[in-house]
Amino acid sequence: MVKSKSVVLGMSGGVDSSVCAVLLKDQGYDVTAVFMKNWDEENEDGVCTATEDYLDVVRVCAELGIKHYTVNFEKEYKDRVFSYFLSEYEKGRTPNPDVMCNTEIKFKAFLEFAMKFDADYIAMGHYARTLKKNNHTYLLRGIDENKDQSYFLSRVKEDALSKTIFPVGDMTKEEVREIAEKYNLSTAKKKDSTGICFIGERDFNKFLDSFLFTKKGDIYSVEGEYLGEHSGLMHYTIGQRKGIGIGGIGSGEPFFVADKDLKNNRLIVAQGVKNPLLYKTETICEEPFWITETPDFPLRCTGKIRYRAKDEAMTVDFLNDELIVKFDNPIKGVTPGQVLVFYDGDICLGSGIIK
């Protein structure tokens, strides 16, 4: 009798990873579920959401007859992800901890843990796909354009991707919900989680204030006019409109964050949604990372400056360990610390950190 291939599935307690368990089991895999506890988390009401999520994992595994375990990565998360997150905010930048969480925790620490089970593969509930071709494993966008999560996987090593199955990557969210209901899974109607990876849906500014010193300062227009007071530069991101606290000035058009003057602790704003000072035609990226091979330069590709941004055409060049990125059309809200992800059609090539 041929032994079934074994897979260790990262289960979050959500509907996506629950359906992954169904699909893998139906495909004949020997499935072991593992719940990752990465943050000692309570929501605004003092309820530990990690405990609720874990109980959902237990219920689904019982419904499907799958063994389950828990692994605690709180130390790894704080050392590798959260410390980076705080240091970036201290520098006045806007990091993407979800990208770092995937790179350092889900596809590194978790992968290492899963291999202790002598597993053939790990599996995750991300909406992404892989393609094995020419002795390489390529990362592809998920079929569901609205849920595609390849952006968050743009700094995961090819070796890790070669050992990963994404069971829902070629499905839409609606199809995933339908399967969950067909199998009467207890998570079938559970709403999707939002908020930062493992920090959840609490008030973000309050959360930041509990870890970092906040210093109020002045708000100035790009023309040099004093407009008011900000609550701390780390509370604002480039391109932001809501929450600046000024309005009804001049033309009456809304203000947007254009820059941060760290030296003088000033927030610089520009008025009008089409103000040219909010747009950039090029940027520099640090820490370039390519999933498979380093491409030839100059590289013509498309890219996203943030998760929900639309694809933009661009030319990428390499100079002194950095990427010089020139956009075909001016882009609004190019934000230092965010991840600029590069694509060739559906293939995610890699990414850089906007400088």
Protein backbone atom coordinates (compact mmCIF):
# COMPACT_ATOMS: atom_id res chain seq x y z
CA MET A 1 0.00 0.00 0.00
CA VAL A 2 1.36 3.42 -1.01
CA LYS A 3 1.79 5.77 1.94
CA SER A 4 -0.21 9.01 1.68
CA LYS A 5 1.74 12.22 1.25
CA SER A 6 1.75 14.16 4.51
CA VAL A 7 1.02 17.85 4.90
CA VAL A 8 1.09 20.16 7.91
CA LEU A 9 -1.62 22.78 7.52
CA GLY A 10 -1.42 26.15 9.23
CA MET A 11 -4.93 26.67 10.61
CA SER A 12 -6.02 30.09 11.83
CA GLY A 13 -9.59 29.30 12.82
CA GLY A 14 -10.94 31.06 9.74
CA VAL A 15 -13.00 29.69 6.88
CA ASP A 16 -10.13 29.65 4.35
CA SER A 17 -7.82 27.34 6.29
CA SER A 18 -10.84 25.24 7.35
CA VAL A 19 -11.69 24.62 3.70
CA CYS A 20 -8.02 23.87 3.02
CA ALA A 21 -8.34 21.01 5.51
CA VAL A 22 -11.38 19.66 3.64
CA LEU A 23 -9.70 19.89 0.23
CA LEU A 24 -6.43 18.30 1.36
CA LYS A 25 -8.23 15.45 3.08
CA ASP A 26 -10.39 14.85 0.00
CA GLN A 27 -7.23 14.78 -2.14
CA GLY A 28 -5.87 11.93 -0.03
CA TYR A 29 -3.27 13.76 2.05
CA ASP A 30 -2.45 12.76 5.61
CA VAL A 31 -3.30 16.13 7.21
CA THR A 32 -1.97 17.48 10.49
CA ALA A 33 -3.34 20.87 11.57
CA VAL A 34 -1.24 23.33 13.55
CA PHE A 35 -2.52 26.52 15.16
CA MET A 36 0.11 29.26 15.52
CA LYS A 37 -0.05 31.48 18.59
CA ASN A 38 2.05 34.49 17.70
CA TRP A 39 0.62 37.26 19.83
CA ASP A 40 -0.78 37.47 23.36
CA GLU A 41 -3.85 39.21 22.08
CA GLU A 42 -7.04 40.66 23.49
CA ASN A 43 -9.57 42.68 21.56
CA GLU A 44 -11.14 45.95 22.72
CA ASP A 45 -13.52 44.04 25.01
CA GLY A 46 -10.71 42.14 26.72
CA VAL A 47 -11.58 38.87 24.96
CA CYS A 48 -8.60 36.82 23.82
CA THR A 49 -9.39 36.36 20.14
CA ALA A 50 -6.56 33.82 19.78
CA THR A 51 -8.44 31.55 22.20
CA GLU A 52 -11.64 31.90 20.18
CA ASP A 53 -9.76 31.13 16.96
CA TYR A 54 -8.09 28.11 18.54
CA LEU A 55 -11.47 26.73 19.63
CA ASP A 56 -12.68 27.07 16.04
CA VAL A 57 -9.66 25.05 14.89
CA VAL A 58 -10.48 22.35 17.46
CA ARG A 59 -14.12 22.23 16.29
CA VAL A 60 -13.26 21.96 12.60
CA CYS A 61 -10.61 19.30 13.21
CA ALA A 62 -13.16 17.30 15.22
CA GLU A 63 -15.69 17.66 12.41
CA LEU A 64 -13.16 16.37 9.87
CA GLY A 65 -11.33 13.83 12.03
CA ILE A 66 -7.96 15.60 11.77
CA LYS A 67 -5.30 15.70 14.49
CA HIS A 68 -4.26 19.15 15.65
CA TYR A 69 -1.46 20.82 17.61
CA THR A 70 -0.54 24.29 18.81
CA VAL A 71 2.82 25.99 18.45
CA ASN A 72 3.82 29.21 20.21
CA PHE A 73 5.84 31.66 18.11
CA GLU A 74 5.34 34.71 20.35
CA LYS A 75 9.08 35.16 20.92
CA GLU A 76 9.93 34.75 17.24
CA TYR A 77 7.17 37.15 16.27
CA LYS A 78 8.31 39.82 18.71
CA ASP A 79 11.98 39.41 17.80
CA ARG A 80 11.61 39.17 14.02
CA VAL A 81 8.43 41.07 13.16
CA PHE A 82 7.23 43.33 15.94
CA SER A 83 10.65 44.87 16.69
CA TYR A 84 10.98 45.69 12.97
CA PHE A 85 7.45 47.13 12.97
CA LEU A 86 8.23 49.48 15.88
CA SER A 87 11.64 50.55 14.58
CA GLU A 88 10.13 51.49 11.22
CA TYR A 89 7.44 53.64 12.87
CA GLU A 90 10.12 55.31 15.00
CA LYS A 91 11.87 56.27 11.75
CA GLY A 92 8.68 57.88 10.47
CA ARG A 93 8.02 55.12 7.95
CA THR A 94 4.93 52.94 7.39
CA PRO A 95 5.92 49.26 7.43
CA ASN A 96 3.92 46.24 6.30
CA PRO A 97 4.23 43.71 9.15
CA ASP A 98 2.03 41.18 7.33
CA VAL A 99 4.70 40.77 4.65
CA MET A 100 7.35 40.29 7.34
CA CYS A 101 5.11 37.87 9.27
CA ASN A 102 4.81 35.63 6.22
CA THR A 103 8.53 35.79 5.53
CA GLU A 104 9.76 35.21 9.07
CA ILE A 105 6.99 33.25 10.79
CA LYS A 106 4.65 31.37 8.47
CA PHE A 107 7.22 30.39 5.86
CA LYS A 108 10.29 30.14 8.08
CA ALA A 109 9.57 29.37 11.75
CA PHE A 110 6.41 27.40 10.91
CA LEU A 111 8.08 25.56 8.04
CA GLU A 112 10.96 24.52 10.32
CA PHE A 113 8.45 23.32 12.92
CA ALA A 114 6.41 21.40 10.33
CA MET A 115 9.48 19.55 9.08
CA LYS A 116 9.79 17.99 12.56
CA PHE A 117 6.71 15.97 11.58
CA ASP A 118 8.63 14.64 8.55
CA ALA A 119 5.97 16.30 6.41
CA ASP A 120 6.19 16.30 2.64
CA TYR A 121 4.55 19.73 2.45
CA ILE A 122 3.09 22.58 4.42
CA ALA A 123 -0.22 24.16 3.39
CA MET A 124 -1.62 27.65 3.94
CA GLY A 125 -4.96 29.33 3.32
CA HIS A 126 -3.54 32.17 1.23
CA TYR A 127 -5.18 33.13 -2.04
CA ALA A 128 -2.08 32.49 -4.14
CA ARG A 129 -0.74 29.79 -6.45
CA THR A 130 2.58 28.21 -7.35
CA LEU A 131 3.85 26.96 -10.69
CA LYS A 132 6.67 24.43 -10.97
CA LYS A 133 8.56 24.94 -14.23
CA ASN A 134 12.17 24.64 -15.44
CA ASN A 135 13.36 23.44 -12.01
CA HIS A 136 11.91 26.55 -10.37
CA THR A 137 8.85 27.27 -8.25
CA TYR A 138 7.11 30.48 -9.27
CA LEU A 139 4.63 32.43 -7.16
CA LEU A 140 1.43 33.37 -8.98
CA ARG A 141 -1.50 35.58 -8.08
CA GLY A 142 -4.61 33.91 -6.72
CA ILE A 143 -7.50 33.43 -9.16
CA ASP A 144 -9.79 35.70 -7.11
CA GLU A 145 -8.53 39.20 -7.97
CA ASN A 146 -10.29 40.70 -4.96
CA LYS A 147 -8.66 38.27 -2.50
CA ASP A 148 -5.24 37.69 -4.14
CA GLN A 149 -2.53 37.62 -1.44
CA SER A 150 0.60 37.17 -3.55
CA TYR A 151 1.56 40.72 -2.47
CA PHE A 152 2.08 39.48 1.10
CA LEU A 153 4.21 36.55 -0.10
CA SER A 154 6.56 38.64 -2.24
CA ARG A 155 9.53 38.15 0.13
CA VAL A 156 9.12 34.41 0.75
CA LYS A 157 12.02 32.28 -0.47
CA GLU A 158 11.55 29.95 -3.42
CA ASP A 159 12.67 26.97 -1.35
CA ALA A 160 9.80 27.55 1.10
CA LEU A 161 7.29 28.00 -1.73
CA SER A 162 8.46 24.74 -3.31
CA LYS A 163 7.29 22.94 -0.17
CA THR A 164 3.94 24.77 0.07
CA ILE A 165 0.43 23.96 -1.13
CA PHE A 166 -2.18 26.73 -1.45
CA PRO A 167 -5.45 24.74 -1.70
CA VAL A 168 -7.76 27.76 -2.16
CA GLY A 169 -5.47 29.69 -4.51
CA ASP A 170 -7.41 28.68 -7.60
CA MET A 171 -10.81 29.37 -6.02
CA THR A 172 -12.95 32.43 -5.36
CA LYS A 173 -14.04 33.39 -1.86
CA GLU A 174 -17.63 32.52 -2.79
CA GLU A 175 -16.56 29.00 -3.78
CA VAL A 176 -14.68 28.62 -0.49
CA ARG A 177 -17.79 29.65 1.49
CA GLU A 178 -19.92 27.21 -0.52
CA ILE A 179 -17.61 24.30 0.34
CA ALA A 180 -17.60 25.29 4.02
CA GLU A 181 -21.41 25.26 4.04
CA LYS A 182 -21.60 22.01 2.07
CA TYR A 183 -19.48 20.31 4.75
CA ASN A 184 -21.33 22.10 7.58
CA LEU A 185 -18.08 23.49 8.98
CA SER A 186 -18.53 25.54 12.14
CA THR A 187 -16.50 28.36 10.53
CA ALA A 188 -18.68 28.54 7.38
CA LYS A 189 -20.20 31.90 8.28
CA LYS A 190 -17.29 33.30 10.30
CA LYS A 191 -16.37 36.78 9.08
CA ASP A 192 -12.93 37.43 7.64
CA SER A 193 -10.36 38.85 10.01
CA THR A 194 -8.95 42.28 9.24
CA GLY A 195 -6.25 44.36 10.82
CA ILE A 196 -2.56 43.70 11.19
CA CYS A 197 -1.29 40.15 11.24
CA PHE A 198 -1.89 38.76 14.74
CA ILE A 199 -2.69 42.16 16.27
CA GLY A 200 -6.29 42.18 15.15
CA GLU A 201 -8.88 44.91 14.98
CA ARG A 202 -8.08 47.11 17.98
CA ASP A 203 -7.62 50.90 17.72
CA PHE A 204 -4.34 51.17 15.85
CA ASN A 205 -3.16 54.56 17.15
CA LYS A 206 -3.87 53.56 20.77
CA PHE A 207 -1.95 50.37 20.16
CA LEU A 208 1.07 52.28 18.79
CA ASP A 209 0.93 54.77 21.67
CA SER A 210 1.25 51.93 24.17
CA PHE A 211 4.68 51.03 22.73
CA LEU A 212 6.17 54.24 21.34
CA PHE A 213 6.65 57.77 22.69
CA THR A 214 4.32 60.18 20.92
CA LYS A 215 5.30 63.81 20.44
CA LYS A 216 2.84 66.37 19.10
CA GLY A 217 4.03 68.86 16.50
CA ASP A 218 3.05 71.36 13.84
CA ILE A 219 1.20 70.84 10.58
CA TYR A 220 2.42 72.94 7.65
CA SER A 221 1.22 73.20 4.08
CA VAL A 222 3.67 72.47 1.26
CA GLU A 223 3.63 76.25 0.71
CA GLY A 224 4.98 76.79 4.24
CA GLU A 225 1.79 77.96 5.96
CA TYR A 226 1.12 76.83 9.56
CA LEU A 227 -2.21 74.98 9.70
CA GLY A 228 -2.47 73.32 13.10
CA GLU A 229 -1.13 70.56 15.35
CA HIS A 230 -0.59 66.85 14.70
CA SER A 231 -0.84 64.10 17.33
CA GLY A 232 2.48 62.42 16.51
CA LEU A 233 4.08 61.70 13.12
CA MET A 234 3.75 57.94 13.52
CA HIS A 235 -0.05 58.30 13.38
CA TYR A 236 0.08 59.46 9.75
CA THR A 237 1.02 57.90 6.45
CA ILE A 238 1.80 59.43 3.07
CA GLY A 239 -1.36 60.06 1.04
CA GLN A 240 -3.63 59.93 4.11
CA ARG A 241 -6.74 62.11 4.04
CA LYS A 242 -8.85 61.18 7.06
CA GLY A 243 -7.87 62.13 10.59
CA ILE A 244 -5.59 65.07 9.80
CA GLY A 245 -7.96 67.41 11.60
CA ILE A 246 -7.82 70.43 9.30
CA GLY A 247 -10.31 71.60 6.70
CA GLY A 248 -12.41 74.47 5.46
CA ILE A 249 -9.29 76.38 4.42
CA GLY A 250 -8.66 78.13 1.11
CA SER A 251 -10.42 76.29 -1.70
CA GLY A 252 -12.18 74.03 0.81
CA GLU A 253 -10.69 70.94 -0.83
CA PRO A 254 -9.40 68.19 1.48
CA PHE A 255 -5.81 67.99 2.65
CA PHE A 256 -3.56 64.96 2.21
CA VAL A 257 -0.29 64.01 3.92
CA ALA A 258 2.51 64.85 1.49
CA ASP A 259 5.62 64.38 3.65
CA LYS A 260 7.03 64.08 7.16
CA ASP A 261 9.77 66.42 8.36
CA LEU A 262 11.33 64.25 11.07
CA LYS A 263 14.03 66.76 11.99
CA ASN A 264 11.49 69.46 12.89
CA ASN A 265 8.65 67.05 13.83
CA ARG A 266 6.40 68.61 11.20
CA LEU A 267 3.62 67.05 9.17
CA ILE A 268 3.55 68.46 5.63
CA VAL A 269 0.20 68.47 3.83
CA ALA A 270 -1.00 69.36 0.33
CA GLN A 271 -4.50 70.53 -0.59
CA GLY A 272 -6.56 68.97 -3.37
CA VAL A 273 -6.88 65.38 -4.53
CA LYS A 274 -5.01 66.16 -7.77
CA ASN A 275 -2.24 68.25 -6.20
CA PRO A 276 0.90 67.31 -8.21
CA LEU A 277 2.99 67.32 -5.01
CA LEU A 278 1.13 64.16 -3.90
CA TYR A 279 2.33 62.24 -6.97
CA LYS A 280 5.68 60.70 -7.84
CA THR A 281 7.13 59.57 -11.14
CA GLU A 282 9.92 57.50 -9.57
CA THR A 283 11.13 56.05 -6.29
CA ILE A 284 14.03 54.10 -4.82
CA CYS A 285 13.64 50.69 -3.17
CA GLU A 286 16.00 49.13 -0.63
CA GLU A 287 16.54 45.45 0.13
CA PRO A 288 15.56 44.07 -3.29
CA PHE A 289 14.34 40.48 -3.12
CA TRP A 290 13.73 38.19 -6.09
CA ILE A 291 11.81 34.95 -5.56
CA THR A 292 13.45 32.90 -8.32
CA GLU A 293 16.16 34.51 -10.44
CA THR A 294 17.46 38.06 -10.42
CA PRO A 295 16.02 39.60 -13.60
CA ASP A 296 17.91 41.39 -16.34
CA PHE A 297 17.90 45.17 -16.02
CA PRO A 298 16.34 47.42 -17.04
CA LEU A 299 13.23 45.40 -16.17
CA ARG A 300 9.84 46.23 -17.68
CA CYS A 301 7.07 45.02 -15.40
CA THR A 302 4.02 46.05 -13.43
CA GLY A 303 3.95 46.67 -9.70
CA LYS A 304 1.85 47.56 -6.67
CA ILE A 305 2.92 50.21 -4.14
CA ARG A 306 0.55 48.76 -1.52
CA TYR A 307 -1.77 45.79 -1.15
CA ARG A 308 -4.96 47.32 -2.54
CA ALA A 309 -3.25 49.48 -5.17
CA LYS A 310 -3.86 48.79 -8.83
CA ASP A 311 -1.08 47.45 -11.04
CA GLU A 312 1.08 50.19 -12.53
CA ALA A 313 3.49 49.88 -15.46
CA MET A 314 7.10 50.67 -14.55
CA THR A 315 10.77 50.28 -15.42
CA VAL A 316 13.15 48.97 -12.75
CA ASP A 317 16.93 49.46 -12.75
CA PHE A 318 19.59 48.33 -10.28
CA LEU A 319 22.24 50.64 -8.81
CA ASN A 320 24.37 50.29 -5.65
CA ASP A 321 22.24 47.51 -4.12
CA GLU A 322 19.07 49.55 -4.64
CA LEU A 323 16.31 49.61 -7.22
CA ILE A 324 15.55 52.76 -9.21
CA VAL A 325 11.87 52.51 -10.16
CA LYS A 326 10.38 54.81 -12.80
CA PHE A 327 6.61 54.83 -13.21
CA ASP A 328 4.98 55.19 -16.63
CA ASN A 329 2.34 57.42 -15.00
CA PRO A 330 2.61 59.51 -11.81
CA ILE A 331 1.47 57.56 -8.72
CA LYS A 332 -0.14 59.05 -5.62
CA GLY A 333 0.82 58.04 -2.09
CA VAL A 334 4.21 56.36 -2.62
CA THR A 335 5.06 55.62 1.02
CA PRO A 336 8.49 54.96 2.60
CA GLY A 337 8.52 51.61 4.42
CA GLN A 338 5.82 50.05 2.26
CA VAL A 339 6.57 47.11 -0.01
CA LEU A 340 6.67 47.66 -3.77
CA VAL A 341 5.85 44.30 -5.38
CA PHE A 342 6.81 43.49 -8.97
CA TYR A 343 4.83 41.31 -11.40
CA ASP A 344 5.26 39.80 -14.85
CA GLY A 345 1.65 39.04 -15.72
CA ASP A 346 0.44 36.70 -12.97
CA ILE A 347 3.96 35.84 -11.80
CA CYS A 348 5.12 37.66 -8.65
CA LEU A 349 8.80 38.39 -9.26
CA GLY A 350 9.71 39.81 -5.86
CA SER A 351 9.75 43.16 -4.09
CA GLY A 352 11.68 46.03 -2.54
CA ILE A 353 11.11 48.35 0.43
CA ILE A 354 10.28 51.92 -0.60
CA LYS A 355 13.02 54.24 0.68
